[in-house]
Amino acid sequence: MTREQALDNVCLYVDDALAERSADDMPDNARLVGWQCGFEPMFVAVWSYLGVRLSDEDAEEIATDILKERAWFAGEEPAPPDYIL
């Protein structure tokens, strides 16, 4: 999956302080962390409010944390993401 394809499936936009943001705030260096949900993937766009590019590990941790807060994993142990772009 390409970054351009993933952008259509971003559902949440957050910075590294777990502050929800709008799509218009997303910088070019945002990481897209995604899980395959049936036929459609779901992505969380994550970036640093300081402007640095997040590592794969940091992006995964932030995206997982925000989804755990929203009980997206339905009480199960969070699955690792299928995509980090």
C-alpha atoms as a PDB file:
ATOM      1  CA  MET A   1       0.000   0.000   0.000  1.00  0.00           C
ATOM      2  CA  THR A   2       1.298   3.450  -0.857  1.00  0.00           C
ATOM      3  CA  ARG A   3       1.148   6.506   1.346  1.00  0.00           C
ATOM      4  CA  GLU A   4      -1.275   8.151  -1.095  1.00  0.00           C
ATOM      5  CA  GLN A   5      -3.649   5.172  -0.856  1.00  0.00           C
ATOM      6  CA  ALA A   6      -3.405   5.165   2.934  1.00  0.00           C
ATOM      7  CA  LEU A   7      -4.323   8.845   3.239  1.00  0.00           C
ATOM      8  CA  ASP A   8      -7.895   8.031   2.195  1.00  0.00           C
ATOM      9  CA  ASN A   9      -8.206   5.699   5.186  1.00  0.00           C
ATOM     10  CA  VAL A  10      -6.883   7.941   7.985  1.00  0.00           C
ATOM     11  CA  CYS A  11      -9.464   8.104  10.779  1.00  0.00           C
ATOM     12  CA  LEU A  12      -7.490   9.873  13.507  1.00  0.00           C
ATOM     13  CA  TYR A  13      -4.879  12.610  13.502  1.00  0.00           C
ATOM     14  CA  VAL A  14      -2.748  12.995  16.645  1.00  0.00           C
ATOM     15  CA  ASP A  15       0.535  14.507  17.717  1.00  0.00           C
ATOM     16  CA  ASP A  16       3.017  12.932  20.109  1.00  0.00           C
ATOM     17  CA  ALA A  17       1.278  14.580  23.082  1.00  0.00           C
ATOM     18  CA  LEU A  18      -1.841  12.532  22.148  1.00  0.00           C
ATOM     19  CA  ALA A  19      -3.645  15.750  21.219  1.00  0.00           C
ATOM     20  CA  GLU A  20      -6.221  15.124  18.522  1.00  0.00           C
ATOM     21  CA  ARG A  21      -5.722  17.353  15.529  1.00  0.00           C
ATOM     22  CA  SER A  22      -7.388  17.982  12.187  1.00  0.00           C
ATOM     23  CA  ALA A  23      -6.304  16.678   8.808  1.00  0.00           C
ATOM     24  CA  ASP A  24      -5.285  20.216   7.882  1.00  0.00           C
ATOM     25  CA  ASP A  25      -2.686  20.193  10.686  1.00  0.00           C
ATOM     26  CA  MET A  26      -0.938  17.065   9.390  1.00  0.00           C
ATOM     27  CA  PRO A  27       2.659  17.781   8.320  1.00  0.00           C
ATOM     28  CA  ASP A  28       4.373  16.020   5.423  1.00  0.00           C
ATOM     29  CA  ASN A  29       6.506  13.978   7.826  1.00  0.00           C
ATOM     30  CA  ALA A  30       3.524  12.432   9.668  1.00  0.00           C
ATOM     31  CA  ARG A  31       3.701   8.681  10.078  1.00  0.00           C
ATOM     32  CA  LEU A  32       0.681   6.611   9.039  1.00  0.00           C
ATOM     33  CA  VAL A  33       0.109   3.600  11.278  1.00  0.00           C
ATOM     34  CA  GLY A  34      -2.525   1.181  10.033  1.00  0.00           C
ATOM     35  CA  TRP A  35      -4.390  -1.976  10.856  1.00  0.00           C
ATOM     36  CA  GLN A  36      -6.207  -4.094   8.311  1.00  0.00           C
ATOM     37  CA  CYS A  37      -9.883  -4.301   9.296  1.00  0.00           C
ATOM     38  CA  GLY A  38     -11.574  -6.756   7.001  1.00  0.00           C
ATOM     39  CA  PHE A  39     -11.447  -5.317   3.509  1.00  0.00           C
ATOM     40  CA  GLU A  40     -10.501  -1.765   4.522  1.00  0.00           C
ATOM     41  CA  PRO A  41      -7.458  -0.613   6.475  1.00  0.00           C
ATOM     42  CA  MET A  42      -7.764   2.002   9.227  1.00  0.00           C
ATOM     43  CA  PHE A  43      -4.903   4.454   9.759  1.00  0.00           C
ATOM     44  CA  VAL A  44      -3.853   6.836  12.490  1.00  0.00           C
ATOM     45  CA  ALA A  45      -1.703   9.771  11.371  1.00  0.00           C
ATOM     46  CA  VAL A  46       0.910  10.537  14.035  1.00  0.00           C
ATOM     47  CA  TRP A  47       3.526  13.270  14.195  1.00  0.00           C
ATOM     48  CA  SER A  48       5.689  15.216  16.609  1.00  0.00           C
ATOM     49  CA  TYR A  49       4.553  18.703  17.526  1.00  0.00           C
ATOM     50  CA  LEU A  50       8.279  19.570  17.583  1.00  0.00           C
ATOM     51  CA  GLY A  51       8.563  18.852  13.856  1.00  0.00           C
ATOM     52  CA  VAL A  52      10.901  15.849  14.051  1.00  0.00           C
ATOM     53  CA  ARG A  53      10.103  12.631  12.193  1.00  0.00           C
ATOM     54  CA  LEU A  54       8.978   9.902  14.585  1.00  0.00           C
ATOM     55  CA  SER A  55      10.594   6.474  14.523  1.00  0.00           C
ATOM     56  CA  ASP A  56       8.504   3.427  13.622  1.00  0.00           C
ATOM     57  CA  GLU A  57       8.477   2.383  17.282  1.00  0.00           C
ATOM     58  CA  ASP A  58       7.342   5.786  18.573  1.00  0.00           C
ATOM     59  CA  ALA A  59       4.645   6.109  15.902  1.00  0.00           C
ATOM     60  CA  GLU A  60       3.333   2.610  16.668  1.00  0.00           C
ATOM     61  CA  GLU A  61       3.263   3.297  20.412  1.00  0.00           C
ATOM     62  CA  ILE A  62       1.378   6.587  20.036  1.00  0.00           C
ATOM     63  CA  ALA A  63      -1.158   5.157  17.578  1.00  0.00           C
ATOM     64  CA  THR A  64      -1.729   2.100  19.766  1.00  0.00           C
ATOM     65  CA  ASP A  65      -2.152   4.263  22.881  1.00  0.00           C
ATOM     66  CA  ILE A  66      -4.814   6.473  21.299  1.00  0.00           C
ATOM     67  CA  LEU A  67      -6.726   3.432  20.038  1.00  0.00           C
ATOM     68  CA  LYS A  68      -6.484   1.730  23.446  1.00  0.00           C
ATOM     69  CA  GLU A  69      -7.942   4.893  25.025  1.00  0.00           C
ATOM     70  CA  ARG A  70     -10.889   4.568  22.643  1.00  0.00           C
ATOM     71  CA  ALA A  71     -11.247   0.804  23.309  1.00  0.00           C
ATOM     72  CA  TRP A  72     -10.774   0.128  19.604  1.00  0.00           C
ATOM     73  CA  PHE A  73      -9.118  -3.210  20.312  1.00  0.00           C
ATOM     74  CA  ALA A  74     -12.307  -4.432  22.072  1.00  0.00           C
ATOM     75  CA  GLY A  75     -10.542  -5.379  25.302  1.00  0.00           C
ATOM     76  CA  GLU A  76      -8.079  -7.632  23.558  1.00  0.00           C
ATOM     77  CA  GLU A  77      -4.329  -7.274  23.618  1.00  0.00           C
ATOM     78  CA  PRO A  78      -3.519  -4.738  20.874  1.00  0.00           C
ATOM     79  CA  ALA A  79      -2.393  -6.334  17.652  1.00  0.00           C
ATOM     80  CA  PRO A  80       0.727  -4.933  16.020  1.00  0.00           C
ATOM     81  CA  PRO A  81      -0.024  -2.664  13.094  1.00  0.00           C
ATOM     82  CA  ASP A  82      -0.041  -4.058   9.582  1.00  0.00           C
ATOM     83  CA  TYR A  83       1.404  -0.875   8.089  1.00  0.00           C
ATOM     84  CA  ILE A  84       3.761   1.896   9.188  1.00  0.00           C
ATOM     85  CA  LEU A  85       4.239   4.404   6.404  1.00  0.00           C
END
